[in-house]
Amino acid sequence: MSQAVSPSNGKRYSLARVCRVWEIPRSALYFQRCRPEPMSGPRGPVGPLTDGEMVEQIHTVLGESPFHGEGYRNVWVRWRFKGIRTSRRRVLRLM
């Protein structure tokens, strides 16, 4: 609306006037103008492997283990010794 031209004097409406008529603060308008686009994927850095590759690695680690029913913590520790660094929560989610 601030880009529209007034028919009476041929000038553009001021931003302050538009915000006063719409009853919104100017700070909200400026925030809407410069707000970044929402991200399409999950937040955070990308890990060393995709989820599918990590599930395969989980199966190999559990297959190599002499124990039955190991938990996510042991899998996570074994990965750290192998050099695969990821979060415990991701291992728990995939298991």
PDB file of N, CA and C in Angstrom:
ATOM      1  N   MET A   1       0.816  -1.188   0.000  1.00  0.00           N
ATOM      2  CA  MET A   1       0.000   0.000   0.000  1.00  0.00           C
ATOM      3  C   MET A   1       0.856   1.246   0.000  1.00  0.00           C
ATOM      4  N   SER A   2       2.066   1.185   0.593  1.00  0.00           N
ATOM      5  CA  SER A   2       2.915   2.369   0.630  1.00  0.00           C
ATOM      6  C   SER A   2       3.462   2.700  -0.757  1.00  0.00           C
ATOM      7  N   GLN A   3       3.327   1.784  -1.709  1.00  0.00           N
ATOM      8  CA  GLN A   3       3.766   2.050  -3.080  1.00  0.00           C
ATOM      9  C   GLN A   3       2.649   2.671  -3.915  1.00  0.00           C
ATOM     10  N   ALA A   4       1.424   2.667  -3.389  1.00  0.00           N
ATOM     11  CA  ALA A   4       0.291   3.217  -4.129  1.00  0.00           C
ATOM     12  C   ALA A   4       0.346   4.744  -4.117  1.00  0.00           C
ATOM     13  N   VAL A   5      -0.262   5.361  -5.124  1.00  0.00           N
ATOM     14  CA  VAL A   5      -0.248   6.814  -5.283  1.00  0.00           C
ATOM     15  C   VAL A   5      -1.616   7.360  -4.878  1.00  0.00           C
ATOM     16  N   SER A   6      -1.593   8.416  -4.126  1.00  0.00           N
ATOM     17  CA  SER A   6      -2.831   9.071  -3.702  1.00  0.00           C
ATOM     18  C   SER A   6      -3.480   9.757  -4.899  1.00  0.00           C
ATOM     19  N   PRO A   7      -4.768   9.562  -5.124  1.00  0.00           N
ATOM     20  CA  PRO A   7      -5.419  10.201  -6.266  1.00  0.00           C
ATOM     21  C   PRO A   7      -5.588  11.714  -6.089  1.00  0.00           C
ATOM     22  N   SER A   8      -5.574  12.190  -4.827  1.00  0.00           N
ATOM     23  CA  SER A   8      -5.821  13.612  -4.615  1.00  0.00           C
ATOM     24  C   SER A   8      -4.592  14.475  -4.868  1.00  0.00           C
ATOM     25  N   ASN A   9      -3.388  14.030  -4.438  1.00  0.00           N
ATOM     26  CA  ASN A   9      -2.207  14.863  -4.622  1.00  0.00           C
ATOM     27  C   ASN A   9      -1.139  14.213  -5.502  1.00  0.00           C
ATOM     28  N   GLY A  10      -1.309  12.980  -5.918  1.00  0.00           N
ATOM     29  CA  GLY A  10      -0.373  12.326  -6.819  1.00  0.00           C
ATOM     30  C   GLY A  10       0.909  11.851  -6.156  1.00  0.00           C
ATOM     31  N   LYS A  11       0.955  11.815  -4.822  1.00  0.00           N
ATOM     32  CA  LYS A  11       2.145  11.356  -4.094  1.00  0.00           C
ATOM     33  C   LYS A  11       1.870   9.987  -3.473  1.00  0.00           C
ATOM     34  N   ARG A  12       2.963   9.289  -3.166  1.00  0.00           N
ATOM     35  CA  ARG A  12       2.822   7.985  -2.516  1.00  0.00           C
ATOM     36  C   ARG A  12       2.436   8.172  -1.059  1.00  0.00           C
ATOM     37  N   TYR A  13       1.717   7.189  -0.518  1.00  0.00           N
ATOM     38  CA  TYR A  13       1.381   7.220   0.900  1.00  0.00           C
ATOM     39  C   TYR A  13       2.647   6.939   1.701  1.00  0.00           C
ATOM     40  N   SER A  14       2.789   7.595   2.842  1.00  0.00           N
ATOM     41  CA  SER A  14       3.962   7.347   3.673  1.00  0.00           C
ATOM     42  C   SER A  14       3.787   6.030   4.425  1.00  0.00           C
ATOM     43  N   LEU A  15       4.907   5.451   4.787  1.00  0.00           N
ATOM     44  CA  LEU A  15       4.879   4.188   5.511  1.00  0.00           C
ATOM     45  C   LEU A  15       4.252   4.362   6.888  1.00  0.00           C
ATOM     46  N   ALA A  16       4.522   5.487   7.518  1.00  0.00           N
ATOM     47  CA  ALA A  16       3.944   5.758   8.828  1.00  0.00           C
ATOM     48  C   ALA A  16       2.420   5.849   8.733  1.00  0.00           C
ATOM     49  N   ARG A  17       1.918   6.499   7.685  1.00  0.00           N
ATOM     50  CA  ARG A  17       0.474   6.635   7.529  1.00  0.00           C
ATOM     51  C   ARG A  17      -0.177   5.278   7.276  1.00  0.00           C
ATOM     52  N   VAL A  18       0.436   4.458   6.428  1.00  0.00           N
ATOM     53  CA  VAL A  18      -0.115   3.135   6.131  1.00  0.00           C
ATOM     54  C   VAL A  18      -0.169   2.289   7.392  1.00  0.00           C
ATOM     55  N   CYS A  19       0.893   2.320   8.184  1.00  0.00           N
ATOM     56  CA  CYS A  19       0.917   1.532   9.423  1.00  0.00           C
ATOM     57  C   CYS A  19      -0.110   2.055  10.426  1.00  0.00           C
ATOM     58  N   ARG A  20      -0.306   3.371  10.459  1.00  0.00           N
ATOM     59  CA  ARG A  20      -1.292   3.932  11.368  1.00  0.00           C
ATOM     60  C   ARG A  20      -2.708   3.511  10.972  1.00  0.00           C
ATOM     61  N   VAL A  21      -3.013   3.497   9.661  1.00  0.00           N
ATOM     62  CA  VAL A  21      -4.337   3.093   9.193  1.00  0.00           C
ATOM     63  C   VAL A  21      -4.564   1.606   9.454  1.00  0.00           C
ATOM     64  N   TRP A  22      -3.547   0.784   9.193  1.00  0.00           N
ATOM     65  CA  TRP A  22      -3.684  -0.659   9.402  1.00  0.00           C
ATOM     66  C   TRP A  22      -3.562  -1.058  10.866  1.00  0.00           C
ATOM     67  N   GLU A  23      -3.162  -0.116  11.714  1.00  0.00           N
ATOM     68  CA  GLU A  23      -2.989  -0.327  13.152  1.00  0.00           C
ATOM     69  C   GLU A  23      -1.971  -1.423  13.455  1.00  0.00           C
ATOM     70  N   ILE A  24      -0.825  -1.342  12.791  1.00  0.00           N
ATOM     71  CA  ILE A  24       0.292  -2.244  13.074  1.00  0.00           C
ATOM     72  C   ILE A  24       1.527  -1.399  13.323  1.00  0.00           C
ATOM     73  N   PRO A  25       2.448  -1.853  14.165  1.00  0.00           N
ATOM     74  CA  PRO A  25       3.677  -1.095  14.373  1.00  0.00           C
ATOM     75  C   PRO A  25       4.598  -1.184  13.157  1.00  0.00           C
ATOM     76  N   ARG A  26       5.352  -0.130  12.951  1.00  0.00           N
ATOM     77  CA  ARG A  26       6.276  -0.138  11.812  1.00  0.00           C
ATOM     78  C   ARG A  26       7.349  -1.198  11.960  1.00  0.00           C
ATOM     79  N   SER A  27       7.714  -1.517  13.208  1.00  0.00           N
ATOM     80  CA  SER A  27       8.738  -2.538  13.421  1.00  0.00           C
ATOM     81  C   SER A  27       8.283  -3.894  12.880  1.00  0.00           C
ATOM     82  N   ALA A  28       6.988  -4.198  13.008  1.00  0.00           N
ATOM     83  CA  ALA A  28       6.469  -5.466  12.476  1.00  0.00           C
ATOM     84  C   ALA A  28       6.561  -5.479  10.962  1.00  0.00           C
ATOM     85  N   LEU A  29       6.308  -4.336  10.338  1.00  0.00           N
ATOM     86  CA  LEU A  29       6.394  -4.252   8.891  1.00  0.00           C
ATOM     87  C   LEU A  29       7.834  -4.426   8.411  1.00  0.00           C
ATOM     88  N   TYR A  30       8.770  -3.776   9.099  1.00  0.00           N
ATOM     89  CA  TYR A  30      10.180  -3.929   8.734  1.00  0.00           C
ATOM     90  C   TYR A  30      10.649  -5.364   8.956  1.00  0.00           C
ATOM     91  N   PHE A  31      10.166  -5.992  10.013  1.00  0.00           N
ATOM     92  CA  PHE A  31      10.534  -7.379  10.273  1.00  0.00           C
ATOM     93  C   PHE A  31      10.035  -8.286   9.159  1.00  0.00           C
ATOM     94  N   GLN A  32       8.804  -8.078   8.714  1.00  0.00           N
ATOM     95  CA  GLN A  32       8.246  -8.894   7.628  1.00  0.00           C
ATOM     96  C   GLN A  32       9.012  -8.692   6.334  1.00  0.00           C
ATOM     97  N   ARG A  33       9.502  -7.488   6.104  1.00  0.00           N
ATOM     98  CA  ARG A  33      10.237  -7.206   4.863  1.00  0.00           C
ATOM     99  C   ARG A  33      11.574  -7.933   4.808  1.00  0.00           C
ATOM    100  N   CYS A  34      12.284  -7.974   5.924  1.00  0.00           N
ATOM    101  CA  CYS A  34      13.654  -8.515   5.897  1.00  0.00           C
ATOM    102  C   CYS A  34      13.747  -9.925   6.463  1.00  0.00           C
ATOM    103  N   ARG A  35      12.619 -10.554   6.725  1.00  0.00           N
ATOM    104  CA  ARG A  35      12.646 -11.910   7.283  1.00  0.00           C
ATOM    105  C   ARG A  35      13.204 -12.876   6.244  1.00  0.00           C
ATOM    106  N   PRO A  36      14.149 -13.739   6.630  1.00  0.00           N
ATOM    107  CA  PRO A  36      14.694 -14.698   5.661  1.00  0.00           C
ATOM    108  C   PRO A  36      13.674 -15.772   5.306  1.00  0.00           C
ATOM    109  N   GLU A  37      13.897 -16.408   4.189  1.00  0.00           N
ATOM    110  CA  GLU A  37      13.023 -17.495   3.744  1.00  0.00           C
ATOM    111  C   GLU A  37      13.178 -18.685   4.685  1.00  0.00           C
ATOM    112  N   PRO A  38      12.097 -19.393   4.978  1.00  0.00           N
ATOM    113  CA  PRO A  38      12.215 -20.563   5.855  1.00  0.00           C
ATOM    114  C   PRO A  38      13.044 -21.660   5.197  1.00  0.00           C
ATOM    115  N   MET A  39      13.767 -22.388   6.028  1.00  0.00           N
ATOM    116  CA  MET A  39      14.613 -23.462   5.520  1.00  0.00           C
ATOM    117  C   MET A  39      13.748 -24.642   5.105  1.00  0.00           C
ATOM    118  N   SER A  40      14.187 -25.333   4.074  1.00  0.00           N
ATOM    119  CA  SER A  40      13.399 -26.457   3.586  1.00  0.00           C
ATOM    120  C   SER A  40      13.747 -27.771   4.280  1.00  0.00           C
ATOM    121  N   GLY A  41      14.953 -27.911   4.768  1.00  0.00           N
ATOM    122  CA  GLY A  41      15.375 -29.164   5.382  1.00  0.00           C
ATOM    123  C   GLY A  41      15.528 -29.034   6.882  1.00  0.00           C
ATOM    124  N   PRO A  42      16.042 -30.066   7.523  1.00  0.00           N
ATOM    125  CA  PRO A  42      16.244 -30.005   8.955  1.00  0.00           C
ATOM    126  C   PRO A  42      17.384 -29.054   9.315  1.00  0.00           C
ATOM    127  N   ARG A  43      17.315 -28.537  10.511  1.00  0.00           N
ATOM    128  CA  ARG A  43      18.345 -27.613  10.964  1.00  0.00           C
ATOM    129  C   ARG A  43      19.618 -28.360  11.328  1.00  0.00           C
ATOM    130  N   GLY A  44      20.716 -27.624  11.387  1.00  0.00           N
ATOM    131  CA  GLY A  44      21.965 -28.188  11.849  1.00  0.00           C
ATOM    132  C   GLY A  44      22.851 -28.675  10.721  1.00  0.00           C
ATOM    133  N   PRO A  45      24.092 -29.044  11.067  1.00  0.00           N
ATOM    134  CA  PRO A  45      25.023 -29.498  10.049  1.00  0.00           C
ATOM    135  C   PRO A  45      24.673 -30.896   9.535  1.00  0.00           C
ATOM    136  N   VAL A  46      25.141 -31.171   8.342  1.00  0.00           N
ATOM    137  CA  VAL A  46      24.919 -32.488   7.740  1.00  0.00           C
ATOM    138  C   VAL A  46      25.964 -33.448   8.291  1.00  0.00           C
ATOM    139  N   GLY A  47      25.542 -34.626   8.689  1.00  0.00           N
ATOM    140  CA  GLY A  47      26.446 -35.604   9.274  1.00  0.00           C
ATOM    141  C   GLY A  47      27.306 -36.294   8.227  1.00  0.00           C
ATOM    142  N   PRO A  48      28.190 -37.188   8.660  1.00  0.00           N
ATOM    143  CA  PRO A  48      29.089 -37.863   7.732  1.00  0.00           C
ATOM    144  C   PRO A  48      28.374 -38.853   6.815  1.00  0.00           C
ATOM    145  N   LEU A  49      27.253 -39.406   7.261  1.00  0.00           N
ATOM    146  CA  LEU A  49      26.518 -40.406   6.491  1.00  0.00           C
ATOM    147  C   LEU A  49      25.041 -40.044   6.463  1.00  0.00           C
ATOM    148  N   THR A  50      24.347 -40.551   5.459  1.00  0.00           N
ATOM    149  CA  THR A  50      22.902 -40.378   5.425  1.00  0.00           C
ATOM    150  C   THR A  50      22.251 -41.344   6.410  1.00  0.00           C
ATOM    151  N   ASP A  51      20.964 -41.178   6.641  1.00  0.00           N
ATOM    152  CA  ASP A  51      20.265 -42.045   7.589  1.00  0.00           C
ATOM    153  C   ASP A  51      20.264 -43.504   7.126  1.00  0.00           C
ATOM    154  N   GLY A  52      20.090 -43.718   5.833  1.00  0.00           N
ATOM    155  CA  GLY A  52      20.099 -45.089   5.324  1.00  0.00           C
ATOM    156  C   GLY A  52      21.451 -45.766   5.505  1.00  0.00           C
ATOM    157  N   GLU A  53      22.530 -45.024   5.239  1.00  0.00           N
ATOM    158  CA  GLU A  53      23.872 -45.584   5.432  1.00  0.00           C
ATOM    159  C   GLU A  53      24.139 -45.863   6.908  1.00  0.00           C
ATOM    160  N   MET A  54      23.616 -44.979   7.773  1.00  0.00           N
ATOM    161  CA  MET A  54      23.832 -45.189   9.206  1.00  0.00           C
ATOM    162  C   MET A  54      23.078 -46.417   9.709  1.00  0.00           C
ATOM    163  N   VAL A  55      21.897 -46.667   9.174  1.00  0.00           N
ATOM    164  CA  VAL A  55      21.155 -47.866   9.574  1.00  0.00           C
ATOM    165  C   VAL A  55      21.925 -49.116   9.169  1.00  0.00           C
ATOM    166  N   GLU A  56      22.523 -49.086   7.971  1.00  0.00           N
ATOM    167  CA  GLU A  56      23.362 -50.220   7.543  1.00  0.00           C
ATOM    168  C   GLU A  56      24.546 -50.394   8.486  1.00  0.00           C
ATOM    169  N   GLN A  57      25.171 -49.301   8.890  1.00  0.00           N
ATOM    170  CA  GLN A  57      26.289 -49.369   9.824  1.00  0.00           C
ATOM    171  C   GLN A  57      25.840 -49.917  11.184  1.00  0.00           C
ATOM    172  N   ILE A  58      24.643 -49.558  11.600  1.00  0.00           N
ATOM    173  CA  ILE A  58      24.117 -50.092  12.866  1.00  0.00           C
ATOM    174  C   ILE A  58      23.983 -51.608  12.784  1.00  0.00           C
ATOM    175  N   HIS A  59      23.469 -52.093  11.671  1.00  0.00           N
ATOM    176  CA  HIS A  59      23.312 -53.541  11.506  1.00  0.00           C
ATOM    177  C   HIS A  59      24.676 -54.243  11.498  1.00  0.00           C
ATOM    178  N   THR A  60      25.676 -53.648  10.860  1.00  0.00           N
ATOM    179  CA  THR A  60      27.003 -54.285  10.851  1.00  0.00           C
ATOM    180  C   THR A  60      27.629 -54.272  12.235  1.00  0.00           C
ATOM    181  N   VAL A  61      27.481 -53.164  12.968  1.00  0.00           N
ATOM    182  CA  VAL A  61      28.055 -53.101  14.320  1.00  0.00           C
ATOM    183  C   VAL A  61      27.375 -54.110  15.227  1.00  0.00           C
ATOM    184  N   LEU A  62      26.062 -54.224  15.125  1.00  0.00           N
ATOM    185  CA  LEU A  62      25.350 -55.190  15.964  1.00  0.00           C
ATOM    186  C   LEU A  62      25.661 -56.631  15.546  1.00  0.00           C
ATOM    187  N   GLY A  63      25.918 -56.855  14.262  1.00  0.00           N
ATOM    188  CA  GLY A  63      26.278 -58.191  13.799  1.00  0.00           C
ATOM    189  C   GLY A  63      27.674 -58.603  14.238  1.00  0.00           C
ATOM    190  N   GLU A  64      28.599 -57.648  14.329  1.00  0.00           N
ATOM    191  CA  GLU A  64      29.972 -57.940  14.745  1.00  0.00           C
ATOM    192  C   GLU A  64      30.085 -58.142  16.256  1.00  0.00           C
ATOM    193  N   SER A  65      29.130 -57.675  17.003  1.00  0.00           N
ATOM    194  CA  SER A  65      29.197 -57.724  18.456  1.00  0.00           C
ATOM    195  C   SER A  65      28.933 -59.148  18.957  1.00  0.00           C
ATOM    196  N   PRO A  66      29.692 -59.609  19.962  1.00  0.00           N
ATOM    197  CA  PRO A  66      29.438 -60.942  20.522  1.00  0.00           C
ATOM    198  C   PRO A  66      28.246 -60.961  21.469  1.00  0.00           C
ATOM    199  N   PHE A  67      27.749 -59.803  21.838  1.00  0.00           N
ATOM    200  CA  PHE A  67      26.648 -59.716  22.802  1.00  0.00           C
ATOM    201  C   PHE A  67      25.321 -59.542  22.074  1.00  0.00           C
ATOM    202  N   HIS A  68      24.258 -59.966  22.746  1.00  0.00           N
ATOM    203  CA  HIS A  68      22.923 -59.856  22.186  1.00  0.00           C
ATOM    204  C   HIS A  68      22.202 -58.657  22.810  1.00  0.00           C
ATOM    205  N   GLY A  69      21.592 -57.810  21.991  1.00  0.00           N
ATOM    206  CA  GLY A  69      20.774 -56.719  22.502  1.00  0.00           C
ATOM    207  C   GLY A  69      21.548 -55.525  22.998  1.00  0.00           C
ATOM    208  N   GLU A  70      22.556 -55.099  22.267  1.00  0.00           N
ATOM    209  CA  GLU A  70      23.288 -53.903  22.665  1.00  0.00           C
ATOM    210  C   GLU A  70      22.443 -52.668  22.398  1.00  0.00           C
ATOM    211  N   GLY A  71      22.664 -51.649  23.196  1.00  0.00           N
ATOM    212  CA  GLY A  71      21.898 -50.425  23.071  1.00  0.00           C
ATOM    213  C   GLY A  71      22.594 -49.396  22.196  1.00  0.00           C
ATOM    214  N   TYR A  72      21.953 -48.242  22.103  1.00  0.00           N
ATOM    215  CA  TYR A  72      22.464 -47.190  21.229  1.00  0.00           C
ATOM    216  C   TYR A  72      23.771 -46.613  21.744  1.00  0.00           C
ATOM    217  N   ARG A  73      23.975 -46.629  23.059  1.00  0.00           N
ATOM    218  CA  ARG A  73      25.213 -46.064  23.601  1.00  0.00           C
ATOM    219  C   ARG A  73      26.428 -46.866  23.166  1.00  0.00           C
ATOM    220  N   ASN A  74      26.309 -48.187  23.222  1.00  0.00           N
ATOM    221  CA  ASN A  74      27.432 -49.022  22.802  1.00  0.00           C
ATOM    222  C   ASN A  74      27.699 -48.883  21.308  1.00  0.00           C
ATOM    223  N   VAL A  75      26.639 -48.777  20.513  1.00  0.00           N
ATOM    224  CA  VAL A  75      26.816 -48.571  19.070  1.00  0.00           C
ATOM    225  C   VAL A  75      27.503 -47.242  18.821  1.00  0.00           C
ATOM    226  N   TRP A  76      27.070 -46.214  19.540  1.00  0.00           N
ATOM    227  CA  TRP A  76      27.657 -44.886  19.373  1.00  0.00           C
ATOM    228  C   TRP A  76      29.142 -44.887  19.748  1.00  0.00           C
ATOM    229  N   VAL A  77      29.487 -45.598  20.847  1.00  0.00           N
ATOM    230  CA  VAL A  77      30.889 -45.673  21.277  1.00  0.00           C
ATOM    231  C   VAL A  77      31.722 -46.435  20.255  1.00  0.00           C
ATOM    232  N   ARG A  78      31.199 -47.533  19.737  1.00  0.00           N
ATOM    233  CA  ARG A  78      31.949 -48.298  18.729  1.00  0.00           C
ATOM    234  C   ARG A  78      32.182 -47.469  17.469  1.00  0.00           C
ATOM    235  N   TRP A  79      31.195 -46.651  17.093  1.00  0.00           N
ATOM    236  CA  TRP A  79      31.379 -45.768  15.926  1.00  0.00           C
ATOM    237  C   TRP A  79      32.472 -44.742  16.186  1.00  0.00           C
ATOM    238  N   ARG A  80      32.517 -44.240  17.397  1.00  0.00           N
ATOM    239  CA  ARG A  80      33.552 -43.246  17.713  1.00  0.00           C
ATOM    240  C   ARG A  80      34.941 -43.855  17.593  1.00  0.00           C
ATOM    241  N   PHE A  81      35.094 -45.120  18.006  1.00  0.00           N
ATOM    242  CA  PHE A  81      36.388 -45.791  17.855  1.00  0.00           C
ATOM    243  C   PHE A  81      36.719 -46.029  16.393  1.00  0.00           C
ATOM    244  N   LYS A  82      35.680 -46.225  15.554  1.00  0.00           N
ATOM    245  CA  LYS A  82      35.909 -46.411  14.121  1.00  0.00           C
ATOM    246  C   LYS A  82      36.163 -45.094  13.396  1.00  0.00           C
ATOM    247  N   GLY A  83      35.842 -43.985  14.040  1.00  0.00           N
ATOM    248  CA  GLY A  83      36.054 -42.677  13.414  1.00  0.00           C
ATOM    249  C   GLY A  83      34.796 -42.055  12.839  1.00  0.00           C
ATOM    250  N   ILE A  84      33.648 -42.682  13.053  1.00  0.00           N
ATOM    251  CA  ILE A  84      32.380 -42.113  12.596  1.00  0.00           C
ATOM    252  C   ILE A  84      31.819 -41.292  13.745  1.00  0.00           C
ATOM    253  N   ARG A  85      31.788 -39.985  13.565  1.00  0.00           N
ATOM    254  CA  ARG A  85      31.334 -39.103  14.640  1.00  0.00           C
ATOM    255  C   ARG A  85      29.933 -38.596  14.327  1.00  0.00           C
ATOM    256  N   THR A  86      29.034 -38.864  15.248  1.00  0.00           N
ATOM    257  CA  THR A  86      27.662 -38.396  15.146  1.00  0.00           C
ATOM    258  C   THR A  86      27.110 -38.257  16.555  1.00  0.00           C
ATOM    259  N   SER A  87      25.907 -37.762  16.682  1.00  0.00           N
ATOM    260  CA  SER A  87      25.346 -37.550  18.014  1.00  0.00           C
ATOM    261  C   SER A  87      24.668 -38.822  18.518  1.00  0.00           C
ATOM    262  N   ARG A  88      24.603 -38.929  19.832  1.00  0.00           N
ATOM    263  CA  ARG A  88      23.933 -40.076  20.449  1.00  0.00           C
ATOM    264  C   ARG A  88      22.451 -40.067  20.124  1.00  0.00           C
ATOM    265  N   ARG A  89      21.864 -38.890  20.064  1.00  0.00           N
ATOM    266  CA  ARG A  89      20.422 -38.788  19.784  1.00  0.00           C
ATOM    267  C   ARG A  89      20.092 -39.289  18.387  1.00  0.00           C
ATOM    268  N   ARG A  90      20.992 -39.044  17.445  1.00  0.00           N
ATOM    269  CA  ARG A  90      20.731 -39.531  16.084  1.00  0.00           C
ATOM    270  C   ARG A  90      20.792 -41.062  16.050  1.00  0.00           C
ATOM    271  N   VAL A  91      21.756 -41.639  16.763  1.00  0.00           N
ATOM    272  CA  VAL A  91      21.843 -43.097  16.829  1.00  0.00           C
ATOM    273  C   VAL A  91      20.602 -43.671  17.499  1.00  0.00           C
ATOM    274  N   LEU A  92      20.148 -43.031  18.570  1.00  0.00           N
ATOM    275  CA  LEU A  92      18.945 -43.489  19.250  1.00  0.00           C
ATOM    276  C   LEU A  92      17.730 -43.403  18.341  1.00  0.00           C
ATOM    277  N   ARG A  93      17.612 -42.321  17.594  1.00  0.00           N
ATOM    278  CA  ARG A  93      16.478 -42.150  16.690  1.00  0.00           C
ATOM    279  C   ARG A  93      16.480 -43.211  15.596  1.00  0.00           C
ATOM    280  N   LEU A  94      17.654 -43.539  15.072  1.00  0.00           N
ATOM    281  CA  LEU A  94      17.742 -44.521  13.996  1.00  0.00           C
ATOM    282  C   LEU A  94      17.557 -45.948  14.492  1.00  0.00           C
ATOM    283  N   MET A  95      17.893 -46.184  15.749  1.00  0.00           N
ATOM    284  CA  MET A  95      17.703 -47.528  16.284  1.00  0.00           C
ATOM    285  C   MET A  95      16.253 -47.748  16.651  1.00  0.00           C
TER     286      MET A  95
END
